Structure formats: structure tokens, C-alpha cells
Amino acid sequence: MAKKNTILLKLESTADTGFFYVKKRNPRKYPNKLSFKKYDPIARKHVEFKETKLK
């Protein structure tokens, strides 16, 4: 059976609020770690979210 093309990962806020998003990523297409500017509802502003391991 073939391996899955996508993996689940956690995008964690750099504002240290503990808020995170869960996203899928294809490691063949995007081999580097992801980072996005997204909305953090706890901090109530847009901050950078960096990829961490989903446990």
C-alpha cells in the first residue's frame, strides 16, 4: 500500500498565546517548514504562525 502524500502539521502562534491551526502539507512539494501570517483571536491581531510537530 502506498504512503500518504500529505501530513498533518500544527501552525503555532509566535505571540505565545497557545493558539494553533492544523494544516495539511505535501512534503514532496513543500520540503521546507511553513510559516504564515494569520489571525490570532487570543491576541486579537495578525501574527506569524510557524510550523511545529503535531503530537
C-alpha atoms as a PDB file:
ATOM      1  CA  MET A   1       0.000   0.000   0.000  1.00  0.00           C
ATOM      2  CA  ALA A   2       1.277   3.466  -0.880  1.00  0.00           C
ATOM      3  CA  LYS A   3       2.199   6.149   1.641  1.00  0.00           C
ATOM      4  CA  LYS A   4       0.016   9.229   2.033  1.00  0.00           C
ATOM      5  CA  ASN A   5       1.119  12.308   0.110  1.00  0.00           C
ATOM      6  CA  THR A   6       0.076  14.731   2.847  1.00  0.00           C
ATOM      7  CA  ILE A   7       0.997  15.059   6.504  1.00  0.00           C
ATOM      8  CA  LEU A   8      -0.816  16.971   9.239  1.00  0.00           C
ATOM      9  CA  LEU A   9       1.097  19.715  10.986  1.00  0.00           C
ATOM     10  CA  LYS A  10       0.483  22.347  13.619  1.00  0.00           C
ATOM     11  CA  LEU A  11       0.931  26.059  12.926  1.00  0.00           C
ATOM     12  CA  GLU A  12       1.633  27.616  16.329  1.00  0.00           C
ATOM     13  CA  SER A  13       1.378  31.326  17.126  1.00  0.00           C
ATOM     14  CA  THR A  14       4.596  33.247  17.776  1.00  0.00           C
ATOM     15  CA  ALA A  15       2.659  35.530  20.171  1.00  0.00           C
ATOM     16  CA  ASP A  16       2.902  32.769  22.851  1.00  0.00           C
ATOM     17  CA  THR A  17      -0.863  32.552  23.330  1.00  0.00           C
ATOM     18  CA  GLY A  18      -1.010  28.798  22.762  1.00  0.00           C
ATOM     19  CA  PHE A  19      -3.373  29.181  19.803  1.00  0.00           C
ATOM     20  CA  PHE A  20      -2.692  26.996  16.751  1.00  0.00           C
ATOM     21  CA  TYR A  21      -4.092  25.964  13.385  1.00  0.00           C
ATOM     22  CA  VAL A  22      -3.919  22.439  11.906  1.00  0.00           C
ATOM     23  CA  LYS A  23      -2.960  22.223   8.238  1.00  0.00           C
ATOM     24  CA  LYS A  24      -2.039  19.592   5.661  1.00  0.00           C
ATOM     25  CA  ARG A  25       1.244  19.747   3.741  1.00  0.00           C
ATOM     26  CA  ASN A  26       2.695  17.698   0.914  1.00  0.00           C
ATOM     27  CA  PRO A  27       6.353  17.150   1.892  1.00  0.00           C
ATOM     28  CA  ARG A  28       7.384  16.406  -1.696  1.00  0.00           C
ATOM     29  CA  LYS A  29       6.009  19.701  -2.995  1.00  0.00           C
ATOM     30  CA  TYR A  30       6.945  21.844   0.071  1.00  0.00           C
ATOM     31  CA  PRO A  31      10.042  20.310   1.703  1.00  0.00           C
ATOM     32  CA  ASN A  32      10.769  23.374   3.895  1.00  0.00           C
ATOM     33  CA  LYS A  33       8.890  24.386   7.033  1.00  0.00           C
ATOM     34  CA  LEU A  34       5.870  26.634   6.538  1.00  0.00           C
ATOM     35  CA  SER A  35       5.157  29.986   8.149  1.00  0.00           C
ATOM     36  CA  PHE A  36       2.116  32.190   7.588  1.00  0.00           C
ATOM     37  CA  LYS A  37       0.737  35.471   8.873  1.00  0.00           C
ATOM     38  CA  LYS A  38      -2.693  34.578  10.222  1.00  0.00           C
ATOM     39  CA  TYR A  39      -5.182  35.907  12.764  1.00  0.00           C
ATOM     40  CA  ASP A  40      -4.711  35.013  16.428  1.00  0.00           C
ATOM     41  CA  PRO A  41      -8.083  35.503  18.206  1.00  0.00           C
ATOM     42  CA  ILE A  42      -6.491  35.456  21.672  1.00  0.00           C
ATOM     43  CA  ALA A  43      -4.013  38.234  20.821  1.00  0.00           C
ATOM     44  CA  ARG A  44      -6.699  39.819  18.567  1.00  0.00           C
ATOM     45  CA  LYS A  45      -4.252  40.634  15.758  1.00  0.00           C
ATOM     46  CA  HIS A  46      -2.394  39.055  12.840  1.00  0.00           C
ATOM     47  CA  VAL A  47       0.846  37.372  13.888  1.00  0.00           C
ATOM     48  CA  GLU A  48       3.241  34.900  12.313  1.00  0.00           C
ATOM     49  CA  PHE A  49       2.457  31.208  12.740  1.00  0.00           C
ATOM     50  CA  LYS A  50       5.320  28.716  12.412  1.00  0.00           C
ATOM     51  CA  GLU A  51       5.187  25.001  11.756  1.00  0.00           C
ATOM     52  CA  THR A  52       5.663  22.626  14.670  1.00  0.00           C
ATOM     53  CA  LYS A  53       5.117  18.913  15.051  1.00  0.00           C
ATOM     54  CA  LEU A  54       1.559  17.705  15.686  1.00  0.00           C
ATOM     55  CA  LYS A  55       1.570  15.213  18.554  1.00  0.00           C
END
